[in-house]
N, C-alpha and C. Protein backbone atom coordinates (compact mmCIF):
# COMPACT_ATOMS: atom_id res chain seq x y z
N MET A 1 -5.04 -8.00 32.35
CA MET A 1 -3.42 -8.04 31.22
C MET A 1 -4.24 -8.18 29.78
N THR A 2 -3.65 -7.65 28.75
CA THR A 2 -4.28 -7.62 27.17
C THR A 2 -3.12 -8.89 26.86
N THR A 3 -3.82 -9.36 26.04
CA THR A 3 -3.30 -10.86 25.20
C THR A 3 -2.43 -9.90 24.27
N PRO A 4 -1.17 -10.24 23.88
CA PRO A 4 -0.45 -9.81 22.94
C PRO A 4 -0.81 -10.60 21.60
N TRP A 5 -0.69 -9.77 20.40
CA TRP A 5 -1.01 -10.04 19.53
C TRP A 5 0.18 -9.87 18.50
N ASN A 6 0.06 -10.11 16.97
CA ASN A 6 1.29 -9.98 16.20
C ASN A 6 0.95 -9.51 15.01
N LEU A 7 1.97 -9.12 14.33
CA LEU A 7 1.70 -8.66 12.76
C LEU A 7 0.85 -9.54 11.98
N LEU A 8 0.47 -10.60 11.93
CA LEU A 8 -0.58 -11.33 11.19
C LEU A 8 -2.21 -10.88 11.91
N ASP A 9 -2.04 -10.97 13.27
CA ASP A 9 -3.23 -10.65 13.84
C ASP A 9 -3.87 -8.72 13.36
N LEU A 10 -2.87 -8.10 13.27
CA LEU A 10 -2.95 -6.57 12.66
C LEU A 10 -3.26 -6.59 11.41
N ASP A 11 -2.78 -7.66 10.52
CA ASP A 11 -2.93 -7.61 9.02
C ASP A 11 -3.93 -8.25 8.79
N ARG A 12 -4.61 -9.30 9.92
CA ARG A 12 -6.14 -9.55 9.38
C ARG A 12 -7.27 -8.27 9.76
N ALA A 13 -6.76 -7.68 10.94
CA ALA A 13 -7.74 -6.57 11.59
C ALA A 13 -7.56 -5.66 10.43
N LEU A 14 -6.57 -5.12 9.80
CA LEU A 14 -6.57 -4.04 8.81
C LEU A 14 -7.51 -4.35 7.73
N ARG A 15 -7.47 -5.59 7.07
CA ARG A 15 -8.02 -5.98 5.99
C ARG A 15 -9.70 -6.17 6.15
N ALA A 16 -10.04 -6.49 7.26
CA ALA A 16 -11.42 -6.74 7.74
C ALA A 16 -11.97 -5.04 7.93
N GLY A 17 -10.98 -3.91 8.22
CA GLY A 17 -11.48 -2.67 8.21
C GLY A 17 -11.75 -2.23 6.97
N TRP A 18 -10.80 -2.56 5.94
CA TRP A 18 -10.93 -1.49 4.95
C TRP A 18 -12.47 -1.47 4.32
N ALA A 19 -12.64 -0.64 3.74
CA ALA A 19 -14.11 -0.51 3.00
C ALA A 19 -13.89 0.95 2.32
N ALA A 20 -15.20 1.18 1.51
CA ALA A 20 -15.08 2.26 0.68
C ALA A 20 -15.27 3.47 1.32
N ASP A 21 -15.43 3.56 3.03
CA ASP A 21 -15.60 4.76 3.59
C ASP A 21 -14.36 5.18 4.24
N THR A 22 -13.35 4.34 4.13
CA THR A 22 -11.82 4.22 4.78
C THR A 22 -11.00 4.57 3.33
N CYS A 23 -11.54 4.38 2.25
CA CYS A 23 -10.81 4.56 0.94
C CYS A 23 -10.40 6.29 0.66
N SER A 24 -9.12 6.34 0.03
CA SER A 24 -8.75 7.65 0.03
C SER A 24 -9.91 8.31 -1.17
N PRO A 25 -10.29 9.50 -0.83
CA PRO A 25 -11.39 10.16 -1.97
C PRO A 25 -10.86 10.16 -3.33
N ASP A 26 -9.56 10.06 -3.31
CA ASP A 26 -9.08 10.44 -4.45
C ASP A 26 -9.04 8.86 -5.34
N ASP A 27 -9.09 7.79 -4.72
CA ASP A 27 -9.31 6.36 -5.28
C ASP A 27 -10.96 5.79 -4.87
N GLN A 28 -11.72 6.32 -4.49
CA GLN A 28 -13.05 6.28 -4.23
C GLN A 28 -13.61 5.73 -5.36
N ALA A 29 -13.82 6.34 -6.39
CA ALA A 29 -14.67 6.11 -7.70
C ALA A 29 -14.10 4.55 -8.53
N ASP A 30 -12.99 4.02 -7.93
CA ASP A 30 -12.41 2.81 -8.12
C ASP A 30 -12.44 1.72 -7.15
N TRP A 31 -12.85 1.91 -6.01
CA TRP A 31 -12.44 0.93 -4.84
C TRP A 31 -13.72 0.03 -5.22
N GLN A 32 -13.45 -0.98 -4.84
CA GLN A 32 -14.36 -2.35 -5.22
C GLN A 32 -13.98 -3.43 -4.02
N ALA A 33 -15.12 -4.08 -3.80
CA ALA A 33 -15.09 -5.07 -2.23
C ALA A 33 -13.89 -5.90 -2.72
N ASP A 34 -13.77 -6.50 -4.19
CA ASP A 34 -12.85 -7.44 -4.52
C ASP A 34 -11.40 -6.90 -4.66
N ASN A 35 -11.29 -6.00 -4.33
CA ASN A 35 -9.72 -5.08 -4.18
C ASN A 35 -9.75 -4.43 -2.82
N PRO A 36 -9.89 -4.75 -1.98
CA PRO A 36 -10.43 -3.68 -0.73
C PRO A 36 -8.85 -3.04 -0.25
N ALA A 37 -7.84 -3.32 -0.60
CA ALA A 37 -6.58 -2.72 -0.34
C ALA A 37 -6.49 -1.31 -1.09
N TRP A 38 -7.39 -1.38 -2.23
CA TRP A 38 -7.18 0.07 -3.13
C TRP A 38 -7.41 1.22 -2.50
N GLY A 39 -6.48 2.28 -2.50
CA GLY A 39 -6.89 3.53 -1.53
C GLY A 39 -6.73 3.56 -0.29
N HIS A 40 -6.10 2.48 0.15
CA HIS A 40 -5.82 2.42 1.51
C HIS A 40 -4.44 2.03 2.34
N CYS A 41 -3.31 2.63 1.11
CA CYS A 41 -2.05 2.29 1.72
C CYS A 41 -1.66 3.45 2.60
N ASP A 42 -1.93 4.55 2.48
CA ASP A 42 -1.26 5.69 3.55
C ASP A 42 -1.94 5.24 5.04
N ILE A 43 -3.16 5.32 4.97
CA ILE A 43 -3.44 4.94 6.53
C ILE A 43 -3.15 3.68 7.16
N THR A 44 -2.83 2.75 6.11
CA THR A 44 -2.72 1.16 6.44
C THR A 44 -1.08 1.17 7.12
N ALA A 45 -0.36 2.11 6.38
CA ALA A 45 0.68 2.19 6.51
C ALA A 45 1.10 2.80 8.19
N LEU A 46 0.49 4.06 8.28
CA LEU A 46 0.49 4.92 9.97
C LEU A 46 -0.01 3.97 11.02
N ILE A 47 -0.63 3.26 10.54
CA ILE A 47 -1.52 2.24 11.74
C ILE A 47 -0.27 1.11 12.14
N VAL A 48 0.30 0.55 10.86
CA VAL A 48 1.34 -0.07 11.14
C VAL A 48 2.47 0.52 11.86
N ASN A 49 2.75 1.67 11.00
CA ASN A 49 4.01 2.77 12.23
C ASN A 49 3.75 2.94 13.63
N ASP A 50 1.98 2.88 13.91
CA ASP A 50 1.54 3.31 14.95
C ASP A 50 2.23 2.11 16.21
N VAL A 51 2.00 0.95 15.73
CA VAL A 51 2.18 -0.33 16.28
C VAL A 51 3.90 -0.58 16.55
N PHE A 52 4.51 -0.68 14.95
CA PHE A 52 5.52 -1.31 14.83
C PHE A 52 6.98 -0.19 14.98
N GLY A 53 6.37 1.02 14.72
CA GLY A 53 7.49 1.86 14.78
C GLY A 53 8.14 1.86 13.20
N GLY A 54 9.68 2.10 13.20
CA GLY A 54 10.33 2.06 11.98
C GLY A 54 10.16 3.48 11.02
N ASP A 55 10.13 3.21 9.94
CA ASP A 55 10.02 4.12 8.57
C ASP A 55 8.53 4.22 7.67
N LEU A 56 8.08 5.42 7.45
CA LEU A 56 7.17 5.42 6.61
C LEU A 56 8.01 5.61 5.23
N MET A 57 7.75 4.93 4.17
CA MET A 57 8.22 4.57 3.10
C MET A 57 7.19 5.45 1.73
N VAL A 58 7.42 5.71 0.85
CA VAL A 58 6.69 6.44 -0.27
C VAL A 58 7.37 6.38 -1.36
N GLY A 59 6.53 6.23 -2.42
CA GLY A 59 6.88 5.97 -3.77
C GLY A 59 6.01 6.64 -4.93
N GLU A 60 6.53 6.75 -5.74
CA GLU A 60 5.61 7.01 -7.11
C GLU A 60 4.81 5.70 -7.98
N VAL A 61 3.53 5.73 -8.37
CA VAL A 61 2.75 4.78 -8.79
C VAL A 61 2.85 5.15 -10.11
N HIS A 62 3.27 4.38 -11.12
CA HIS A 62 3.53 4.64 -12.43
C HIS A 62 2.47 3.44 -13.05
N LEU A 63 2.02 3.95 -14.46
CA LEU A 63 0.94 3.10 -15.31
C LEU A 63 1.20 3.41 -16.44
N ASP A 64 1.85 2.72 -17.49
CA ASP A 64 2.25 3.04 -19.06
C ASP A 64 2.52 4.53 -19.09
N GLY A 65 3.53 4.46 -18.42
CA GLY A 65 4.61 5.73 -18.27
C GLY A 65 3.99 6.80 -17.78
N THR A 66 3.27 6.93 -17.16
CA THR A 66 2.53 8.11 -16.23
C THR A 66 2.48 7.81 -14.74
N GLN A 67 2.59 9.12 -14.54
CA GLN A 67 2.53 9.01 -12.75
C GLN A 67 1.05 8.88 -12.32
N HIS A 68 0.56 8.06 -11.83
CA HIS A 68 -0.72 7.97 -11.11
C HIS A 68 -0.68 8.00 -9.63
N GLY A 69 -0.09 8.96 -8.89
CA GLY A 69 -0.23 9.18 -7.66
C GLY A 69 1.20 8.80 -6.62
N PHE A 70 0.47 8.10 -5.70
CA PHE A 70 1.84 7.74 -4.52
C PHE A 70 1.21 6.46 -3.90
N HIS A 71 2.40 5.68 -3.34
CA HIS A 71 2.11 4.42 -2.75
C HIS A 71 2.91 4.43 -1.37
N TRP A 72 2.27 4.00 -0.37
CA TRP A 72 3.04 4.10 1.07
C TRP A 72 3.08 2.92 1.49
N TRP A 73 4.09 2.47 2.54
CA TRP A 73 4.14 1.32 3.02
C TRP A 73 5.50 1.44 4.19
N ASN A 74 5.75 0.26 4.82
CA ASN A 74 6.79 0.62 6.13
C ASN A 74 7.98 -0.14 6.00
N ARG A 75 8.70 0.36 6.30
CA ARG A 75 10.31 -0.16 6.43
C ARG A 75 10.52 -0.44 8.10
N LEU A 76 10.22 -1.55 8.93
CA LEU A 76 10.52 -1.71 10.05
C LEU A 76 11.85 -1.56 10.64
N THR A 77 11.77 -1.48 11.75
CA THR A 77 13.27 -0.89 12.57
C THR A 77 14.33 -2.25 12.26
N SER A 78 13.92 -3.46 11.69
CA SER A 78 14.60 -4.57 11.47
C SER A 78 15.35 -4.47 10.17
N GLY A 79 14.97 -3.45 9.42
CA GLY A 79 15.48 -2.89 7.86
C GLY A 79 14.33 -3.90 6.75
N VAL A 80 13.38 -4.82 7.42
CA VAL A 80 12.29 -5.26 6.28
C VAL A 80 11.61 -4.19 5.97
N GLU A 81 11.23 -4.53 4.61
CA GLU A 81 10.30 -3.68 4.20
C GLU A 81 8.84 -4.33 4.00
N LEU A 82 7.57 -3.81 4.77
CA LEU A 82 6.44 -4.27 4.87
C LEU A 82 5.24 -3.55 3.90
N ASP A 83 4.82 -3.82 3.06
CA ASP A 83 3.67 -3.66 2.41
C ASP A 83 2.72 -4.36 2.24
N LEU A 84 1.63 -3.87 3.26
CA LEU A 84 0.58 -4.95 3.31
C LEU A 84 -0.70 -4.48 2.31
N THR A 85 -0.83 -3.46 1.45
CA THR A 85 -1.77 -3.15 0.36
C THR A 85 -1.08 -3.16 -0.98
N ARG A 86 0.15 -3.90 -1.16
CA ARG A 86 0.88 -4.01 -2.55
C ARG A 86 -0.12 -4.65 -3.38
N GLU A 87 -1.10 -5.64 -2.94
CA GLU A 87 -1.85 -6.11 -4.06
C GLU A 87 -2.98 -5.47 -4.79
N GLN A 88 -2.91 -4.13 -4.04
CA GLN A 88 -4.29 -3.14 -4.51
C GLN A 88 -3.76 -3.16 -6.42
N PHE A 89 -2.42 -3.28 -6.63
CA PHE A 89 -1.84 -2.95 -7.79
C PHE A 89 -2.06 -4.30 -8.97
N ARG A 90 -3.26 -4.22 -9.71
CA ARG A 90 -3.63 -5.43 -10.48
C ARG A 90 -3.58 -5.10 -11.93
N ARG A 91 -3.18 -3.96 -12.49
CA ARG A 91 -3.11 -3.36 -14.00
C ARG A 91 -1.53 -3.25 -14.45
N GLY A 92 -0.79 -3.69 -13.53
CA GLY A 92 0.78 -3.74 -14.36
C GLY A 92 1.17 -2.35 -13.62
N GLN A 93 1.05 -1.80 -12.65
CA GLN A 93 1.38 -0.24 -11.89
C GLN A 93 2.66 -0.74 -11.38
N THR A 94 3.61 0.33 -11.33
CA THR A 94 5.17 -0.19 -10.84
C THR A 94 4.88 1.15 -9.84
N VAL A 95 6.05 0.76 -8.74
CA VAL A 95 6.28 1.92 -8.00
C VAL A 95 7.97 2.07 -7.96
N THR A 96 8.38 3.41 -8.13
CA THR A 96 9.43 3.86 -8.15
C THR A 96 10.08 5.19 -7.22
N ALA A 97 11.03 5.55 -7.48
CA ALA A 97 11.50 6.30 -6.61
C ALA A 97 11.05 6.64 -5.15
N SER A 98 11.37 5.76 -4.44
CA SER A 98 10.81 5.35 -2.71
C SER A 98 12.22 6.20 -2.17
N ARG A 99 11.13 6.57 -0.90
CA ARG A 99 12.19 7.38 -0.25
C ARG A 99 11.50 7.22 1.42
N VAL A 100 12.06 7.59 2.34
CA VAL A 100 11.68 7.89 3.54
C VAL A 100 11.21 9.41 3.69
N VAL A 101 9.89 8.99 4.48
CA VAL A 101 9.55 10.28 4.67
C VAL A 101 9.07 10.21 6.27
N THR A 102 9.11 11.81 6.84
CA THR A 102 8.67 12.25 8.56
C THR A 102 7.18 12.03 8.34
N ARG A 103 6.98 11.35 9.48
CA ARG A 103 5.70 11.16 9.84
C ARG A 103 5.37 12.95 10.57
N PRO A 104 4.53 13.44 10.05
CA PRO A 104 3.68 14.74 10.47
C PRO A 104 3.58 14.72 11.89
N PRO A 105 3.87 15.53 13.11
CA PRO A 105 3.19 15.39 14.40
C PRO A 105 2.29 15.93 14.65
N GLY A 106 1.04 15.23 15.38
CA GLY A 106 -0.26 15.60 15.49
C GLY A 106 -1.18 14.85 14.58
N PRO A 107 -2.30 15.48 14.49
CA PRO A 107 -3.28 15.09 13.10
C PRO A 107 -2.75 15.30 12.33
N LEU A 108 -3.21 14.19 11.06
CA LEU A 108 -2.84 14.27 9.78
C LEU A 108 -3.58 15.53 8.90
N PRO A 109 -2.80 15.94 8.25
CA PRO A 109 -3.32 16.99 7.43
C PRO A 109 -4.18 16.52 6.32
N ARG A 110 -4.24 15.46 6.17
CA ARG A 110 -5.44 14.91 4.91
C ARG A 110 -5.68 13.78 5.74
N ARG A 111 -7.11 13.11 5.28
CA ARG A 111 -7.27 11.26 5.55
C ARG A 111 -7.47 11.19 7.13
N TRP A 112 -7.54 12.40 8.32
CA TRP A 112 -7.40 12.24 9.45
C TRP A 112 -8.65 11.37 10.02
N GLU A 113 -10.19 11.67 9.29
CA GLU A 113 -11.23 10.92 9.60
C GLU A 113 -11.13 9.20 9.34
N GLU A 114 -10.66 9.23 7.91
CA GLU A 114 -10.57 7.94 7.44
C GLU A 114 -9.61 6.97 8.51
N TYR A 115 -8.42 7.78 8.88
CA TYR A 115 -7.35 7.01 9.70
C TYR A 115 -8.00 6.85 11.01
N LEU A 116 -8.74 7.70 11.62
CA LEU A 116 -9.44 7.53 12.62
C LEU A 116 -10.62 6.14 12.95
N LEU A 117 -11.40 5.80 11.68
CA LEU A 117 -11.99 5.50 11.34
C LEU A 117 -11.57 3.72 11.39
N LEU A 118 -10.63 3.64 10.46
CA LEU A 118 -9.96 2.43 10.23
C LEU A 118 -9.01 2.01 11.63
N ARG A 119 -8.52 2.92 12.64
CA ARG A 119 -7.94 2.62 13.74
C ARG A 119 -8.85 2.16 14.66
N GLU A 120 -10.04 2.75 14.47
CA GLU A 120 -11.17 2.26 15.44
C GLU A 120 -11.52 0.80 15.31
N ARG A 121 -11.47 0.45 13.49
CA ARG A 121 -12.24 -0.85 13.60
C ARG A 121 -11.02 -1.77 13.98
N VAL A 122 -9.67 -1.27 13.86
CA VAL A 122 -8.56 -2.45 14.15
C VAL A 122 -8.64 -2.37 15.85
N ILE A 123 -8.98 -1.63 16.43
CA ILE A 123 -9.21 -1.45 18.10
C ILE A 123 -10.29 -2.57 18.49
N LYS A 124 -11.34 -2.35 17.84
CA LYS A 124 -12.18 -3.57 17.85
C LYS A 124 -12.05 -4.69 17.70
N ARG A 125 -11.26 -5.09 17.05
CA ARG A 125 -10.78 -6.63 16.95
C ARG A 125 -9.71 -7.02 17.65
N LEU A 126 -8.69 -5.93 17.89
CA LEU A 126 -7.33 -6.48 18.91
C LEU A 126 -7.20 -5.45 20.56
N GLY A 127 -8.14 -4.95 20.46
CA GLY A 127 -7.92 -4.29 21.79
C GLY A 127 -6.93 -3.01 21.43
N PRO A 128 -6.64 -2.26 22.71
CA PRO A 128 -5.96 -0.41 22.46
C PRO A 128 -4.52 -0.86 21.64
N LEU A 129 -4.43 0.39 20.68
CA LEU A 129 -3.14 0.15 19.89
C LEU A 129 -2.33 1.32 20.56
N PRO A 130 -1.19 1.71 20.52
CA PRO A 130 -0.14 2.60 20.85
C PRO A 130 -0.85 3.88 20.34
N GLU A 131 -0.73 4.83 20.87
CA GLU A 131 -1.05 6.32 20.27
C GLU A 131 -0.07 6.99 19.24
N PRO A 132 -0.68 7.18 18.19
CA PRO A 132 0.29 7.79 17.43
C PRO A 132 1.39 8.74 18.01
N SER A 133 2.99 8.45 17.58
CA SER A 133 3.67 9.53 18.04
C SER A 133 3.92 10.91 17.45
């Protein structure tokens, strides 16, 4: 029988797994070990969704009045919003226009390799995770 784990365990495992090789290619040039969450919001939110379900949330990232991509996080079935990568924004970025997005079925159209790599790192620390739905 597998030992149950909780959100804190998952958070620690995700943080231990974030690295340059799992960062979004769009953000890789700015990734640094002292800000490991940078470029990991989408695949982190997907793994949290694998485990806890709920909704995937996305919003626009703005800095100095200009949009700089998108940010992903989770809304759990309890209604609580959970953003495990929010601390990546250290230059005054704001996230606006949040909305729920439907997770695409099957392999992700982009970032599949990085998702699988981060997921494997989490599995090595925690044991089996639920399969993506």
